[in-house]
N, C-alpha and C. Protein backbone atom coordinates (compact mmCIF):
# COMPACT_ATOMS: atom_id res chain seq x y z
N MET A 1 0.92 -1.30 -0.07
CA MET A 1 -0.05 0.04 -0.01
C MET A 1 0.98 1.20 0.11
N TRP A 2 0.55 2.36 -0.99
CA TRP A 2 1.40 3.18 -0.90
C TRP A 2 0.69 4.29 0.09
N GLN A 3 1.46 5.32 0.51
CA GLN A 3 0.89 6.43 1.21
C GLN A 3 0.72 7.70 0.24
N VAL A 4 -0.44 8.47 0.38
CA VAL A 4 -0.84 9.87 -0.11
C VAL A 4 -1.05 10.51 0.73
N ARG A 5 -0.28 11.94 0.16
CA ARG A 5 -0.33 12.93 1.30
C ARG A 5 -0.99 14.18 0.42
N ILE A 6 -1.90 14.79 0.93
CA ILE A 6 -2.77 15.93 0.28
C ILE A 6 -2.33 16.95 1.09
N GLU A 7 -1.70 18.04 0.17
CA GLU A 7 -1.31 19.49 0.71
C GLU A 7 -2.32 20.48 -0.03
N PRO A 8 -2.56 21.64 0.48
CA PRO A 8 -2.17 21.88 1.84
C PRO A 8 -2.87 21.55 2.91
N LEU A 9 -3.90 20.35 2.87
CA LEU A 9 -4.49 20.09 3.74
C LEU A 9 -3.98 19.60 5.03
N GLY A 10 -2.86 18.49 4.74
CA GLY A 10 -2.00 17.66 5.38
C GLY A 10 -2.23 16.41 5.86
N ALA A 11 -3.50 15.92 4.72
CA ALA A 11 -4.02 14.73 5.19
C ALA A 11 -3.09 13.61 4.34
N THR A 12 -2.86 12.58 5.05
CA THR A 12 -2.26 11.42 4.71
C THR A 12 -3.11 9.95 4.97
N PHE A 13 -3.13 9.18 3.61
CA PHE A 13 -3.80 8.25 3.64
C PHE A 13 -3.19 7.02 2.76
N GLY A 14 -3.50 5.61 3.24
CA GLY A 14 -3.00 4.57 2.32
C GLY A 14 -4.00 4.42 1.02
N CYS A 15 -3.11 4.02 0.12
CA CYS A 15 -3.59 3.64 -1.39
C CYS A 15 -3.11 2.52 -2.15
N ASP A 16 -4.09 1.43 -2.08
CA ASP A 16 -3.56 0.56 -2.64
C ASP A 16 -3.51 0.62 -4.48
N ALA A 17 -2.32 0.15 -5.01
CA ALA A 17 -2.27 0.14 -6.32
C ALA A 17 -3.40 -0.16 -7.22
N THR A 18 -4.26 -0.70 -6.88
CA THR A 18 -5.49 -1.18 -7.70
C THR A 18 -6.86 -0.02 -7.42
N GLU A 19 -6.35 0.81 -6.48
CA GLU A 19 -7.58 1.89 -5.92
C GLU A 19 -7.08 3.25 -6.52
N SER A 20 -8.09 3.79 -7.24
CA SER A 20 -7.77 5.21 -7.21
C SER A 20 -7.49 6.17 -6.48
N VAL A 21 -6.64 7.53 -6.71
CA VAL A 21 -6.25 8.23 -5.41
C VAL A 21 -7.57 8.84 -5.03
N LEU A 22 -8.58 9.18 -5.78
CA LEU A 22 -10.03 9.64 -5.39
C LEU A 22 -10.73 8.60 -4.50
N GLU A 23 -10.86 7.32 -4.60
CA GLU A 23 -11.53 6.43 -4.15
C GLU A 23 -10.90 6.41 -2.63
N ALA A 24 -9.47 6.27 -2.61
CA ALA A 24 -8.78 6.23 -1.30
C ALA A 24 -9.12 7.50 -0.48
N ALA A 25 -8.99 8.58 -1.11
CA ALA A 25 -9.29 10.02 -0.37
C ALA A 25 -10.70 9.91 0.03
N GLN A 26 -11.59 9.45 -0.40
CA GLN A 26 -12.94 9.36 -0.01
C GLN A 26 -13.27 8.31 1.31
N ARG A 27 -12.59 7.24 1.15
CA ARG A 27 -12.37 6.22 2.25
C ARG A 27 -11.80 6.66 3.64
N ALA A 28 -10.92 7.77 3.06
CA ALA A 28 -9.76 8.19 4.40
C ALA A 28 -10.46 9.51 4.71
N GLY A 29 -11.88 10.00 4.35
CA GLY A 29 -12.34 11.06 4.97
C GLY A 29 -11.89 12.40 4.15
N VAL A 30 -11.23 12.32 3.10
CA VAL A 30 -11.10 13.72 2.36
C VAL A 30 -11.72 13.87 1.17
N HIS A 31 -12.35 14.94 1.20
CA HIS A 31 -13.16 15.40 -0.07
C HIS A 31 -12.54 15.99 -1.22
N LEU A 32 -12.44 15.67 -2.17
CA LEU A 32 -11.82 16.12 -3.38
C LEU A 32 -13.23 16.35 -4.22
N PRO A 33 -13.14 17.71 -5.13
CA PRO A 33 -14.22 17.74 -5.82
C PRO A 33 -14.18 16.62 -6.92
N ARG A 34 -15.43 16.14 -7.38
CA ARG A 34 -15.31 15.01 -8.57
C ARG A 34 -16.86 15.35 -9.25
N SER A 35 -16.69 14.84 -10.34
CA SER A 35 -18.08 14.47 -11.08
C SER A 35 -18.11 13.28 -11.73
N CYS A 36 -17.41 13.28 -12.92
CA CYS A 36 -17.44 12.05 -13.87
C CYS A 36 -17.01 10.98 -13.37
N ARG A 37 -15.91 11.06 -12.82
CA ARG A 37 -15.03 9.66 -11.76
C ARG A 37 -14.73 8.85 -13.25
N ASN A 38 -14.39 9.23 -14.59
CA ASN A 38 -14.01 8.65 -15.71
C ASN A 38 -12.56 9.11 -16.40
N GLY A 39 -12.25 10.40 -15.83
CA GLY A 39 -11.21 11.27 -16.27
C GLY A 39 -11.36 12.12 -17.57
N SER A 40 -12.78 12.30 -17.85
CA SER A 40 -12.94 13.33 -18.90
C SER A 40 -13.13 14.74 -18.36
N CYS A 41 -14.14 14.79 -17.21
CA CYS A 41 -14.34 16.27 -16.94
C CYS A 41 -13.47 17.19 -16.39
N ARG A 42 -12.44 16.57 -15.79
CA ARG A 42 -11.29 17.47 -15.23
C ARG A 42 -11.97 18.32 -13.83
N THR A 43 -12.96 18.04 -13.34
CA THR A 43 -13.40 18.58 -11.98
C THR A 43 -12.43 18.43 -10.85
N CYS A 44 -11.95 17.16 -10.90
CA CYS A 44 -10.63 16.66 -9.58
C CYS A 44 -9.50 17.00 -9.85
N LEU A 45 -9.19 17.76 -11.22
CA LEU A 45 -7.75 18.02 -11.31
C LEU A 45 -6.92 18.66 -10.07
N CYS A 46 -5.72 17.94 -9.96
CA CYS A 46 -4.96 18.73 -9.01
C CYS A 46 -3.58 18.44 -9.45
N HIS A 47 -2.63 18.81 -8.72
CA HIS A 47 -1.06 18.48 -9.14
C HIS A 47 -0.41 17.43 -8.34
N LEU A 48 0.53 16.76 -8.98
CA LEU A 48 1.12 15.67 -8.73
C LEU A 48 2.65 16.48 -8.32
N ARG A 49 3.05 16.59 -6.83
CA ARG A 49 4.32 17.23 -6.78
C ARG A 49 5.19 16.10 -6.32
N SER A 50 5.03 14.96 -6.01
CA SER A 50 6.18 14.04 -5.91
C SER A 50 5.74 12.51 -6.04
N GLY A 51 6.32 11.68 -6.72
CA GLY A 51 5.94 10.16 -6.91
C GLY A 51 5.55 9.80 -8.36
N GLU A 52 4.94 8.64 -8.40
CA GLU A 52 4.71 7.99 -9.91
C GLU A 52 3.39 7.55 -9.67
N LEU A 53 2.64 7.74 -10.89
CA LEU A 53 1.38 7.03 -10.98
C LEU A 53 0.98 6.51 -12.29
N ALA A 54 -0.10 5.85 -12.34
CA ALA A 54 -0.65 5.24 -13.74
C ALA A 54 -2.02 5.78 -13.80
N TYR A 55 -2.37 5.50 -14.94
CA TYR A 55 -3.99 5.97 -15.19
C TYR A 55 -4.60 4.60 -15.56
N ARG A 56 -5.94 4.40 -15.19
CA ARG A 56 -6.82 3.55 -15.41
C ARG A 56 -6.80 3.54 -16.78
N ILE A 57 -7.03 4.40 -17.57
CA ILE A 57 -7.58 4.67 -18.95
C ILE A 57 -6.02 5.06 -19.70
N ASP A 58 -6.25 4.82 -20.84
CA ASP A 58 -5.06 5.30 -21.78
C ASP A 58 -4.95 6.73 -22.18
N TRP A 59 -6.29 7.32 -22.25
CA TRP A 59 -6.52 8.72 -22.55
C TRP A 59 -7.16 9.72 -21.65
N PRO A 60 -6.47 9.93 -20.39
CA PRO A 60 -7.45 11.05 -19.47
C PRO A 60 -7.07 12.44 -20.04
N SER A 61 -8.06 12.92 -19.70
CA SER A 61 -8.38 14.27 -20.54
C SER A 61 -7.19 15.16 -19.96
N LEU A 62 -6.13 14.71 -19.97
CA LEU A 62 -4.80 15.52 -19.97
C LEU A 62 -4.07 16.02 -21.12
N SER A 63 -3.50 17.07 -21.55
CA SER A 63 -2.46 17.33 -22.55
C SER A 63 -1.16 16.95 -22.20
N PRO A 64 -0.65 16.69 -23.11
CA PRO A 64 0.94 16.48 -22.76
C PRO A 64 1.37 17.71 -21.95
N ASP A 65 1.20 18.95 -22.11
CA ASP A 65 1.44 20.31 -21.15
C ASP A 65 0.97 20.24 -19.82
N ASP A 66 -0.19 19.51 -19.57
CA ASP A 66 -0.89 19.51 -18.54
C ASP A 66 0.18 18.30 -17.70
N LYS A 67 0.44 17.35 -18.59
CA LYS A 67 1.19 16.28 -17.65
C LYS A 67 2.43 16.57 -17.41
N ASP A 68 3.24 17.62 -18.25
CA ASP A 68 4.49 18.11 -18.11
C ASP A 68 4.59 19.23 -16.68
N GLU A 69 3.23 19.82 -16.75
CA GLU A 69 3.14 20.52 -15.56
C GLU A 69 2.76 20.07 -14.19
N GLY A 70 2.57 18.54 -14.07
CA GLY A 70 2.30 17.86 -12.82
C GLY A 70 0.57 17.50 -12.71
N ALA A 71 -0.09 18.13 -13.76
CA ALA A 71 -1.61 18.01 -13.47
C ALA A 71 -1.55 16.43 -13.32
N MET A 72 -2.97 16.13 -12.71
CA MET A 72 -3.28 14.74 -12.57
C MET A 72 -4.92 14.78 -12.11
N LEU A 73 -5.47 13.58 -12.86
CA LEU A 73 -6.88 13.32 -12.32
C LEU A 73 -6.81 12.10 -11.28
N PRO A 74 -7.03 12.66 -10.31
CA PRO A 74 -7.14 11.45 -9.26
C PRO A 74 -8.19 10.30 -9.36
N CYS A 75 -9.42 11.01 -10.01
CA CYS A 75 -10.56 9.78 -10.34
C CYS A 75 -9.88 8.63 -11.10
N VAL A 76 -9.07 8.49 -11.72
CA VAL A 76 -8.57 7.55 -12.60
C VAL A 76 -6.93 7.37 -12.31
N ALA A 77 -6.42 7.82 -11.46
CA ALA A 77 -5.03 7.72 -10.87
C ALA A 77 -4.71 6.79 -10.02
N LEU A 78 -3.85 5.94 -10.67
CA LEU A 78 -3.45 4.81 -9.53
C LEU A 78 -1.91 4.88 -8.98
N PRO A 79 -1.57 4.85 -7.79
CA PRO A 79 -0.53 5.12 -7.27
C PRO A 79 0.50 4.06 -7.59
N ARG A 80 1.86 4.48 -8.01
CA ARG A 80 2.91 3.52 -8.23
C ARG A 80 4.09 3.64 -7.27
N SER A 81 4.01 4.84 -6.38
CA SER A 81 5.03 5.10 -5.23
C SER A 81 4.09 5.79 -4.49
N ASP A 82 4.80 6.22 -3.31
CA ASP A 82 4.01 7.21 -2.45
C ASP A 82 4.06 8.75 -3.35
N LEU A 83 2.83 9.44 -2.77
CA LEU A 83 2.39 10.39 -3.54
C LEU A 83 2.23 11.56 -2.54
N MET A 84 2.73 12.90 -3.37
CA MET A 84 2.53 14.01 -2.73
C MET A 84 1.59 15.00 -3.65
N VAL A 85 0.34 14.96 -3.16
CA VAL A 85 -0.59 15.79 -4.10
C VAL A 85 -1.02 17.36 -3.63
N TRP A 86 -0.99 18.26 -4.53
CA TRP A 86 -1.39 19.55 -4.26
C TRP A 86 -2.79 19.82 -4.70
N ALA A 87 -3.91 19.60 -3.79
CA ALA A 87 -4.89 19.82 -4.13
C ALA A 87 -5.74 20.94 -3.07
N PRO A 88 -5.40 22.29 -3.12
CA PRO A 88 -6.11 23.09 -2.44
C PRO A 88 -7.39 23.29 -2.24
N GLN A 89 -8.20 22.48 -3.11
CA GLN A 89 -9.72 22.30 -2.98
C GLN A 89 -10.09 21.39 -2.18
N ALA A 90 -9.28 20.61 -1.52
CA ALA A 90 -9.56 19.27 -0.70
C ALA A 90 -10.14 19.67 0.58
N ARG A 91 -10.99 19.03 1.35
CA ARG A 91 -11.55 19.20 2.47
C ARG A 91 -11.95 17.96 3.24
N PRO A 92 -11.71 17.82 4.54
CA PRO A 92 -11.94 16.77 5.31
C PRO A 92 -13.30 16.69 5.39
N VAL A 93 -13.89 15.46 5.68
CA VAL A 93 -15.39 15.27 5.67
C VAL A 93 -15.50 14.84 7.35
N ASN A 94 -16.49 15.52 7.78
CA ASN A 94 -17.16 15.04 9.10
C ASN A 94 -17.61 13.63 9.35
N ALA A 95 -17.90 13.15 10.57
CA ALA A 95 -18.77 12.06 10.68
C ALA A 95 -19.88 11.83 9.94
N ASP A 96 -20.55 13.00 9.75
CA ASP A 96 -22.04 13.00 9.30
C ASP A 96 -21.63 13.16 7.59
N GLY A 97 -20.57 13.31 7.23
CA GLY A 97 -20.31 13.23 5.80
C GLY A 97 -20.21 14.44 5.06
N ASP A 98 -20.46 15.68 6.03
CA ASP A 98 -20.23 16.89 5.66
C ASP A 98 -18.80 17.42 5.31
N GLN A 99 -18.74 18.44 4.13
CA GLN A 99 -17.45 18.69 3.93
C GLN A 99 -17.25 19.71 5.30
N SER A 100 -16.05 20.12 5.84
CA SER A 100 -15.66 20.84 6.86
C SER A 100 -14.69 22.00 6.03
N ALA A 101 -14.73 23.15 6.52
CA ALA A 101 -13.85 24.47 6.13
C ALA A 101 -12.76 24.18 6.93
N ALA A 102 -12.54 23.41 7.95
CA ALA A 102 -11.54 23.41 8.85
C ALA A 102 -10.39 22.80 8.37
N GLY A 103 -9.36 22.62 8.72
CA GLY A 103 -7.89 21.87 8.45
C GLY A 103 -8.25 20.19 9.02
N PRO A 104 -7.02 19.52 8.83
CA PRO A 104 -6.95 17.97 9.36
C PRO A 104 -7.35 18.07 10.80
N THR A 105 -7.78 16.97 11.25
CA THR A 105 -8.14 16.80 12.69
C THR A 105 -7.05 15.71 13.10
């Protein structure tokens, strides 16, 4: 299991190599914006600061320039190492499933 750190939130969680970063974030109580969950809408777009990943699909809606700039789509991204992801839109989810504007607990 790989470790994923979401910054600037400061949340860290485990992610299996067969689980998308988005799925692991949800399981860990971290909300990332999402819509299509298939790599086409770019709602979940964030940036990979370190680590390696693969995609469930061959053609995620990222241009070569996007990829060169570190853009990633966590809904279809599979970790291949520990990851540090820059996702300023990430929020913790409280026990009721509501998003919180507060930082990590």
